[in-house]
Amino acid sequence: MERVDEPEALQDEPIASPVDPPAGESEQPHPLDHDNDGEPGGSVSHAERGLSDLVAEAESLGIKVDKRWGAKRLQKEIDKAKPQ
């Protein structure tokens, strides 16, 4: 009696890698991508990302930014520096 490990119908099919997404499906985001930047990790809140935008605006206006300033203080300094 001949021993058969797999049915013949399955012997010619390629074996899918467990890390590859199934054909036709889009890749899922990393389960540890908390800030939706495509990379795992990241604990920058939306507020902190908004703060970095304010810092960039302030610096573009020539304001020397103190890293301890919050959004309220940054906005106040930006408003003072903008021409009326």
PDB file of N, CA and C in Angstrom:
ATOM      1  N   MET A   1       0.831  -1.166   0.000  1.00  0.00           N
ATOM      2  CA  MET A   1       0.000   0.000   0.000  1.00  0.00           C
ATOM      3  C   MET A   1       0.887   1.244   0.000  1.00  0.00           C
ATOM      4  N   GLU A   2       0.564   2.214  -0.878  1.00  0.00           N
ATOM      5  CA  GLU A   2       1.349   3.431  -1.012  1.00  0.00           C
ATOM      6  C   GLU A   2       0.819   4.498  -0.058  1.00  0.00           C
ATOM      7  N   ARG A   3       1.728   5.148   0.640  1.00  0.00           N
ATOM      8  CA  ARG A   3       1.349   6.193   1.598  1.00  0.00           C
ATOM      9  C   ARG A   3       1.300   7.542   0.888  1.00  0.00           C
ATOM     10  N   VAL A   4       0.213   8.281   1.077  1.00  0.00           N
ATOM     11  CA  VAL A   4       0.054   9.581   0.455  1.00  0.00           C
ATOM     12  C   VAL A   4      -0.084  10.613   1.576  1.00  0.00           C
ATOM     13  N   ASP A   5       0.855  11.572   1.587  1.00  0.00           N
ATOM     14  CA  ASP A   5       0.826  12.609   2.618  1.00  0.00           C
ATOM     15  C   ASP A   5      -0.231  13.678   2.326  1.00  0.00           C
ATOM     16  N   GLU A   6      -0.348  14.049   1.071  1.00  0.00           N
ATOM     17  CA  GLU A   6      -1.303  15.078   0.690  1.00  0.00           C
ATOM     18  C   GLU A   6      -2.061  14.616  -0.533  1.00  0.00           C
ATOM     19  N   PRO A   7      -3.292  15.043  -0.668  1.00  0.00           N
ATOM     20  CA  PRO A   7      -4.013  14.708  -1.895  1.00  0.00           C
ATOM     21  C   PRO A   7      -3.306  15.341  -3.089  1.00  0.00           C
ATOM     22  N   GLU A   8      -3.385  14.691  -4.236  1.00  0.00           N
ATOM     23  CA  GLU A   8      -2.697  15.187  -5.430  1.00  0.00           C
ATOM     24  C   GLU A   8      -3.150  16.581  -5.813  1.00  0.00           C
ATOM     25  N   ALA A   9      -4.376  16.922  -5.561  1.00  0.00           N
ATOM     26  CA  ALA A   9      -4.883  18.243  -5.924  1.00  0.00           C
ATOM     27  C   ALA A   9      -4.159  19.353  -5.175  1.00  0.00           C
ATOM     28  N   LEU A  10      -3.664  19.085  -4.000  1.00  0.00           N
ATOM     29  CA  LEU A  10      -2.985  20.102  -3.196  1.00  0.00           C
ATOM     30  C   LEU A  10      -1.483  20.131  -3.406  1.00  0.00           C
ATOM     31  N   GLN A  11      -0.917  19.107  -4.023  1.00  0.00           N
ATOM     32  CA  GLN A  11       0.534  19.032  -4.154  1.00  0.00           C
ATOM     33  C   GLN A  11       1.101  20.101  -5.072  1.00  0.00           C
ATOM     34  N   ASP A  12       0.354  20.565  -6.073  1.00  0.00           N
ATOM     35  CA  ASP A  12       0.873  21.545  -7.024  1.00  0.00           C
ATOM     36  C   ASP A  12       0.593  22.987  -6.621  1.00  0.00           C
ATOM     37  N   GLU A  13      -0.197  23.230  -5.585  1.00  0.00           N
ATOM     38  CA  GLU A  13      -0.524  24.591  -5.182  1.00  0.00           C
ATOM     39  C   GLU A  13       0.622  25.201  -4.380  1.00  0.00           C
ATOM     40  N   PRO A  14       0.943  26.468  -4.663  1.00  0.00           N
ATOM     41  CA  PRO A  14       1.998  27.118  -3.868  1.00  0.00           C
ATOM     42  C   PRO A  14       1.524  27.344  -2.438  1.00  0.00           C
ATOM     43  N   ILE A  15       2.459  27.321  -1.540  1.00  0.00           N
ATOM     44  CA  ILE A  15       2.151  27.539  -0.128  1.00  0.00           C
ATOM     45  C   ILE A  15       2.264  29.030   0.144  1.00  0.00           C
ATOM     46  N   ALA A  16       1.214  29.612   0.698  1.00  0.00           N
ATOM     47  CA  ALA A  16       1.214  31.043   1.005  1.00  0.00           C
ATOM     48  C   ALA A  16       2.026  31.306   2.257  1.00  0.00           C
ATOM     49  N   SER A  17       2.787  32.373   2.221  1.00  0.00           N
ATOM     50  CA  SER A  17       3.553  32.790   3.396  1.00  0.00           C
ATOM     51  C   SER A  17       2.597  33.396   4.418  1.00  0.00           C
ATOM     52  N   PRO A  18       2.772  33.134   5.708  1.00  0.00           N
ATOM     53  CA  PRO A  18       1.872  33.702   6.709  1.00  0.00           C
ATOM     54  C   PRO A  18       1.995  35.222   6.848  1.00  0.00           C
ATOM     55  N   VAL A  19       3.091  35.815   6.348  1.00  0.00           N
ATOM     56  CA  VAL A  19       3.249  37.261   6.461  1.00  0.00           C
ATOM     57  C   VAL A  19       2.735  38.009   5.234  1.00  0.00           C
ATOM     58  N   ASP A  20       2.509  37.319   4.119  1.00  0.00           N
ATOM     59  CA  ASP A  20       1.996  37.954   2.917  1.00  0.00           C
ATOM     60  C   ASP A  20       0.483  38.069   2.999  1.00  0.00           C
ATOM     61  N   PRO A  21      -0.078  39.223   2.615  1.00  0.00           N
ATOM     62  CA  PRO A  21      -1.539  39.330   2.600  1.00  0.00           C
ATOM     63  C   PRO A  21      -2.092  38.452   1.483  1.00  0.00           C
ATOM     64  N   PRO A  22      -3.276  37.926   1.664  1.00  0.00           N
ATOM     65  CA  PRO A  22      -3.877  37.123   0.617  1.00  0.00           C
ATOM     66  C   PRO A  22      -4.033  37.932  -0.666  1.00  0.00           C
ATOM     67  N   ALA A  23      -3.960  37.260  -1.803  1.00  0.00           N
ATOM     68  CA  ALA A  23      -4.054  37.933  -3.090  1.00  0.00           C
ATOM     69  C   ALA A  23      -5.362  38.702  -3.193  1.00  0.00           C
ATOM     70  N   GLY A  24      -5.281  39.933  -3.693  1.00  0.00           N
ATOM     71  CA  GLY A  24      -6.471  40.750  -3.876  1.00  0.00           C
ATOM     72  C   GLY A  24      -6.878  41.547  -2.656  1.00  0.00           C
ATOM     73  N   GLU A  25      -6.243  41.348  -1.542  1.00  0.00           N
ATOM     74  CA  GLU A  25      -6.593  42.094  -0.333  1.00  0.00           C
ATOM     75  C   GLU A  25      -5.515  43.130  -0.054  1.00  0.00           C
ATOM     76  N   SER A  26      -5.921  44.275   0.462  1.00  0.00           N
ATOM     77  CA  SER A  26      -4.951  45.316   0.784  1.00  0.00           C
ATOM     78  C   SER A  26      -4.259  44.978   2.099  1.00  0.00           C
ATOM     79  N   GLU A  27      -3.071  45.530   2.241  1.00  0.00           N
ATOM     80  CA  GLU A  27      -2.295  45.283   3.456  1.00  0.00           C
ATOM     81  C   GLU A  27      -2.933  46.024   4.630  1.00  0.00           C
ATOM     82  N   GLN A  28      -3.071  45.355   5.749  1.00  0.00           N
ATOM     83  CA  GLN A  28      -3.651  45.952   6.953  1.00  0.00           C
ATOM     84  C   GLN A  28      -2.597  46.816   7.639  1.00  0.00           C
ATOM     85  N   PRO A  29      -3.017  47.883   8.329  1.00  0.00           N
ATOM     86  CA  PRO A  29      -2.046  48.694   9.066  1.00  0.00           C
ATOM     87  C   PRO A  29      -1.439  47.883  10.214  1.00  0.00           C
ATOM     88  N   HIS A  30      -0.248  48.247  10.589  1.00  0.00           N
ATOM     89  CA  HIS A  30       0.428  47.567  11.691  1.00  0.00           C
ATOM     90  C   HIS A  30      -0.417  47.716  12.953  1.00  0.00           C
ATOM     91  N   PRO A  31      -0.596  46.648  13.730  1.00  0.00           N
ATOM     92  CA  PRO A  31      -1.443  46.748  14.923  1.00  0.00           C
ATOM     93  C   PRO A  31      -0.907  47.714  15.982  1.00  0.00           C
ATOM     94  N   LEU A  32       0.364  48.069  15.907  1.00  0.00           N
ATOM     95  CA  LEU A  32       0.930  49.009  16.877  1.00  0.00           C
ATOM     96  C   LEU A  32       1.118  50.409  16.304  1.00  0.00           C
ATOM     97  N   ASP A  33       0.487  50.687  15.148  1.00  0.00           N
ATOM     98  CA  ASP A  33       0.561  52.008  14.534  1.00  0.00           C
ATOM     99  C   ASP A  33      -0.532  52.866  15.148  1.00  0.00           C
ATOM    100  N   HIS A  34      -0.211  53.530  16.254  1.00  0.00           N
ATOM    101  CA  HIS A  34      -1.203  54.288  17.006  1.00  0.00           C
ATOM    102  C   HIS A  34      -1.423  55.697  16.484  1.00  0.00           C
ATOM    103  N   ASP A  35      -0.476  56.223  15.696  1.00  0.00           N
ATOM    104  CA  ASP A  35      -0.650  57.582  15.193  1.00  0.00           C
ATOM    105  C   ASP A  35      -0.900  57.612  13.687  1.00  0.00           C
ATOM    106  N   ASN A  36      -1.152  56.442  13.102  1.00  0.00           N
ATOM    107  CA  ASN A  36      -1.521  56.302  11.683  1.00  0.00           C
ATOM    108  C   ASN A  36      -0.498  56.892  10.723  1.00  0.00           C
ATOM    109  N   ASP A  37       0.795  56.758  11.058  1.00  0.00           N
ATOM    110  CA  ASP A  37       1.816  57.226  10.136  1.00  0.00           C
ATOM    111  C   ASP A  37       2.439  56.082   9.344  1.00  0.00           C
ATOM    112  N   GLY A  38       1.895  54.870   9.502  1.00  0.00           N
ATOM    113  CA  GLY A  38       2.397  53.715   8.772  1.00  0.00           C
ATOM    114  C   GLY A  38       3.522  52.984   9.473  1.00  0.00           C
ATOM    115  N   GLU A  39       3.961  53.473  10.590  1.00  0.00           N
ATOM    116  CA  GLU A  39       5.045  52.860  11.355  1.00  0.00           C
ATOM    117  C   GLU A  39       4.521  52.392  12.704  1.00  0.00           C
ATOM    118  N   PRO A  40       5.065  51.284  13.226  1.00  0.00           N
ATOM    119  CA  PRO A  40       4.634  50.848  14.558  1.00  0.00           C
ATOM    120  C   PRO A  40       5.059  51.852  15.628  1.00  0.00           C
ATOM    121  N   GLY A  41       4.283  51.884  16.683  1.00  0.00           N
ATOM    122  CA  GLY A  41       4.590  52.780  17.799  1.00  0.00           C
ATOM    123  C   GLY A  41       4.015  54.155  17.560  1.00  0.00           C
ATOM    124  N   GLY A  42       4.649  55.122  18.111  1.00  0.00           N
ATOM    125  CA  GLY A  42       4.187  56.490  17.930  1.00  0.00           C
ATOM    126  C   GLY A  42       3.140  56.844  18.954  1.00  0.00           C
ATOM    127  N   SER A  43       3.484  57.751  19.805  1.00  0.00           N
ATOM    128  CA  SER A  43       2.533  58.157  20.825  1.00  0.00           C
ATOM    129  C   SER A  43       2.257  59.653  20.738  1.00  0.00           C
ATOM    130  N   VAL A  44       2.502  60.218  19.566  1.00  0.00           N
ATOM    131  CA  VAL A  44       2.271  61.647  19.389  1.00  0.00           C
ATOM    132  C   VAL A  44       0.776  61.854  19.198  1.00  0.00           C
ATOM    133  N   SER A  45       0.182  62.623  20.086  1.00  0.00           N
ATOM    134  CA  SER A  45      -1.246  62.883  19.987  1.00  0.00           C
ATOM    135  C   SER A  45      -1.518  63.906  18.893  1.00  0.00           C
ATOM    136  N   HIS A  46      -2.782  64.024  18.521  1.00  0.00           N
ATOM    137  CA  HIS A  46      -3.161  65.027  17.523  1.00  0.00           C
ATOM    138  C   HIS A  46      -2.820  66.423  18.019  1.00  0.00           C
ATOM    139  N   ALA A  47      -2.992  66.650  19.308  1.00  0.00           N
ATOM    140  CA  ALA A  47      -2.672  67.960  19.882  1.00  0.00           C
ATOM    141  C   ALA A  47      -1.187  68.263  19.762  1.00  0.00           C
ATOM    142  N   GLU A  48      -0.348  67.260  20.006  1.00  0.00           N
ATOM    143  CA  GLU A  48       1.098  67.471  19.907  1.00  0.00           C
ATOM    144  C   GLU A  48       1.519  67.703  18.467  1.00  0.00           C
ATOM    145  N   ARG A  49       0.871  67.015  17.520  1.00  0.00           N
ATOM    146  CA  ARG A  49       1.185  67.257  16.117  1.00  0.00           C
ATOM    147  C   ARG A  49       0.752  68.666  15.721  1.00  0.00           C
ATOM    148  N   GLY A  50      -0.366  69.144  16.261  1.00  0.00           N
ATOM    149  CA  GLY A  50      -0.801  70.512  16.009  1.00  0.00           C
ATOM    150  C   GLY A  50       0.181  71.504  16.605  1.00  0.00           C
ATOM    151  N   LEU A  51       0.744  71.141  17.746  1.00  0.00           N
ATOM    152  CA  LEU A  51       1.735  71.986  18.400  1.00  0.00           C
ATOM    153  C   LEU A  51       2.972  72.140  17.518  1.00  0.00           C
ATOM    154  N   SER A  52       3.383  71.056  16.872  1.00  0.00           N
ATOM    155  CA  SER A  52       4.561  71.147  16.008  1.00  0.00           C
ATOM    156  C   SER A  52       4.287  72.066  14.816  1.00  0.00           C
ATOM    157  N   ASP A  53       3.036  72.104  14.353  1.00  0.00           N
ATOM    158  CA  ASP A  53       2.677  73.042  13.282  1.00  0.00           C
ATOM    159  C   ASP A  53       2.794  74.482  13.770  1.00  0.00           C
ATOM    160  N   LEU A  54       2.344  74.732  14.993  1.00  0.00           N
ATOM    161  CA  LEU A  54       2.458  76.074  15.563  1.00  0.00           C
ATOM    162  C   LEU A  54       3.918  76.466  15.763  1.00  0.00           C
ATOM    163  N   VAL A  55       4.734  75.537  16.214  1.00  0.00           N
ATOM    164  CA  VAL A  55       6.166  75.809  16.397  1.00  0.00           C
ATOM    165  C   VAL A  55       6.784  76.192  15.056  1.00  0.00           C
ATOM    166  N   ALA A  56       6.451  75.437  14.012  1.00  0.00           N
ATOM    167  CA  ALA A  56       6.999  75.727  12.683  1.00  0.00           C
ATOM    168  C   ALA A  56       6.570  77.106  12.195  1.00  0.00           C
ATOM    169  N   GLU A  57       5.305  77.450  12.424  1.00  0.00           N
ATOM    170  CA  GLU A  57       4.817  78.771  12.016  1.00  0.00           C
ATOM    171  C   GLU A  57       5.529  79.872  12.790  1.00  0.00           C
ATOM    172  N   ALA A  58       5.670  79.679  14.100  1.00  0.00           N
ATOM    173  CA  ALA A  58       6.345  80.685  14.930  1.00  0.00           C
ATOM    174  C   ALA A  58       7.796  80.879  14.485  1.00  0.00           C
ATOM    175  N   GLU A  59       8.479  79.791  14.235  1.00  0.00           N
ATOM    176  CA  GLU A  59       9.877  79.896  13.816  1.00  0.00           C
ATOM    177  C   GLU A  59       9.994  80.561  12.451  1.00  0.00           C
ATOM    178  N   SER A  60       9.023  80.319  11.575  1.00  0.00           N
ATOM    179  CA  SER A  60       9.059  80.966  10.256  1.00  0.00           C
ATOM    180  C   SER A  60       8.860  82.470  10.361  1.00  0.00           C
ATOM    181  N   LEU A  61       8.233  82.913  11.471  1.00  0.00           N
ATOM    182  CA  LEU A  61       8.042  84.343  11.718  1.00  0.00           C
ATOM    183  C   LEU A  61       9.213  84.948  12.498  1.00  0.00           C
ATOM    184  N   GLY A  62      10.223  84.141  12.774  1.00  0.00           N
ATOM    185  CA  GLY A  62      11.404  84.639  13.472  1.00  0.00           C
ATOM    186  C   GLY A  62      11.296  84.596  14.983  1.00  0.00           C
ATOM    187  N   ILE A  63      10.312  83.907  15.497  1.00  0.00           N
ATOM    188  CA  ILE A  63      10.125  83.814  16.943  1.00  0.00           C
ATOM    189  C   ILE A  63      11.033  82.720  17.490  1.00  0.00           C
ATOM    190  N   LYS A  64      11.787  83.053  18.539  1.00  0.00           N
ATOM    191  CA  LYS A  64      12.590  82.032  19.206  1.00  0.00           C
ATOM    192  C   LYS A  64      11.665  81.295  20.173  1.00  0.00           C
ATOM    193  N   VAL A  65      11.373  80.032  19.856  1.00  0.00           N
ATOM    194  CA  VAL A  65      10.375  79.259  20.592  1.00  0.00           C
ATOM    195  C   VAL A  65      10.993  78.609  21.819  1.00  0.00           C
ATOM    196  N   ASP A  66      10.337  78.800  22.948  1.00  0.00           N
ATOM    197  CA  ASP A  66      10.701  78.102  24.181  1.00  0.00           C
ATOM    198  C   ASP A  66       9.950  76.766  24.160  1.00  0.00           C
ATOM    199  N   LYS A  67      10.663  75.669  24.268  1.00  0.00           N
ATOM    200  CA  LYS A  67      10.052  74.336  24.163  1.00  0.00           C
ATOM    201  C   LYS A  67       9.024  74.049  25.254  1.00  0.00           C
ATOM    202  N   ARG A  68       8.988  74.890  26.278  1.00  0.00           N
ATOM    203  CA  ARG A  68       8.004  74.706  27.354  1.00  0.00           C
ATOM    204  C   ARG A  68       6.654  75.324  27.017  1.00  0.00           C
ATOM    205  N   TRP A  69       6.607  76.136  25.952  1.00  0.00           N
ATOM    206  CA  TRP A  69       5.370  76.798  25.590  1.00  0.00           C
ATOM    207  C   TRP A  69       4.345  75.804  25.086  1.00  0.00           C
ATOM    208  N   GLY A  70       3.109  76.050  25.451  1.00  0.00           N
ATOM    209  CA  GLY A  70       1.995  75.265  24.935  1.00  0.00           C
ATOM    210  C   GLY A  70       1.363  75.971  23.741  1.00  0.00           C
ATOM    211  N   ALA A  71       0.274  75.408  23.253  1.00  0.00           N
ATOM    212  CA  ALA A  71      -0.392  75.945  22.075  1.00  0.00           C
ATOM    213  C   ALA A  71      -0.903  77.364  22.306  1.00  0.00           C
ATOM    214  N   LYS A  72      -1.421  77.624  23.497  1.00  0.00           N
ATOM    215  CA  LYS A  72      -1.976  78.946  23.800  1.00  0.00           C
ATOM    216  C   LYS A  72      -0.896  80.028  23.724  1.00  0.00           C
ATOM    217  N   ARG A  73       0.246  79.751  24.332  1.00  0.00           N
ATOM    218  CA  ARG A  73       1.351  80.731  24.328  1.00  0.00           C
ATOM    219  C   ARG A  73       1.924  80.888  22.927  1.00  0.00           C
ATOM    220  N   LEU A  74       2.072  79.798  22.209  1.00  0.00           N
ATOM    221  CA  LEU A  74       2.586  79.881  20.844  1.00  0.00           C
ATOM    222  C   LEU A  74       1.668  80.746  19.979  1.00  0.00           C
ATOM    223  N   GLN A  75       0.367  80.511  20.080  1.00  0.00           N
ATOM    224  CA  GLN A  75      -0.583  81.285  19.278  1.00  0.00           C
ATOM    225  C   GLN A  75      -0.515  82.763  19.635  1.00  0.00           C
ATOM    226  N   LYS A  76      -0.361  83.061  20.917  1.00  0.00           N
ATOM    227  CA  LYS A  76      -0.251  84.450  21.368  1.00  0.00           C
ATOM    228  C   LYS A  76       0.975  85.121  20.751  1.00  0.00           C
ATOM    229  N   GLU A  77       2.125  84.428  20.760  1.00  0.00           N
ATOM    230  CA  GLU A  77       3.365  84.974  20.191  1.00  0.00           C
ATOM    231  C   GLU A  77       3.260  85.130  18.680  1.00  0.00           C
ATOM    232  N   ILE A  78       2.588  84.186  18.025  1.00  0.00           N
ATOM    233  CA  ILE A  78       2.388  84.259  16.569  1.00  0.00           C
ATOM    234  C   ILE A  78       1.526  85.471  16.230  1.00  0.00           C
ATOM    235  N   ASP A  79       0.447  85.640  17.001  1.00  0.00           N
ATOM    236  CA  ASP A  79      -0.456  86.785  16.771  1.00  0.00           C
ATOM    237  C   ASP A  79       0.266  88.116  16.955  1.00  0.00           C
ATOM    238  N   LYS A  80       1.163  88.200  17.940  1.00  0.00           N
ATOM    239  CA  LYS A  80       1.926  89.431  18.180  1.00  0.00           C
ATOM    240  C   LYS A  80       2.901  89.698  17.029  1.00  0.00           C
ATOM    241  N   ALA A  81       3.460  88.627  16.461  1.00  0.00           N
ATOM    242  CA  ALA A  81       4.487  88.796  15.439  1.00  0.00           C
ATOM    243  C   ALA A  81       3.935  89.060  14.040  1.00  0.00           C
ATOM    244  N   LYS A  82       2.679  88.700  13.810  1.00  0.00           N
ATOM    245  CA  LYS A  82       2.082  88.900  12.492  1.00  0.00           C
ATOM    246  C   LYS A  82       1.777  90.384  12.287  1.00  0.00           C
ATOM    247  N   PRO A  83       2.034  90.866  11.079  1.00  0.00           N
ATOM    248  CA  PRO A  83       1.694  92.278  10.799  1.00  0.00           C
ATOM    249  C   PRO A  83       0.181  92.486  10.823  1.00  0.00           C
ATOM    250  N   GLN A  84      -0.227  93.609  11.353  1.00  0.00           N
ATOM    251  CA  GLN A  84      -1.658  93.919  11.484  1.00  0.00           C
ATOM    252  C   GLN A  84      -2.206  94.478  10.203  1.00  0.00           C
TER     253      GLN A  84
END
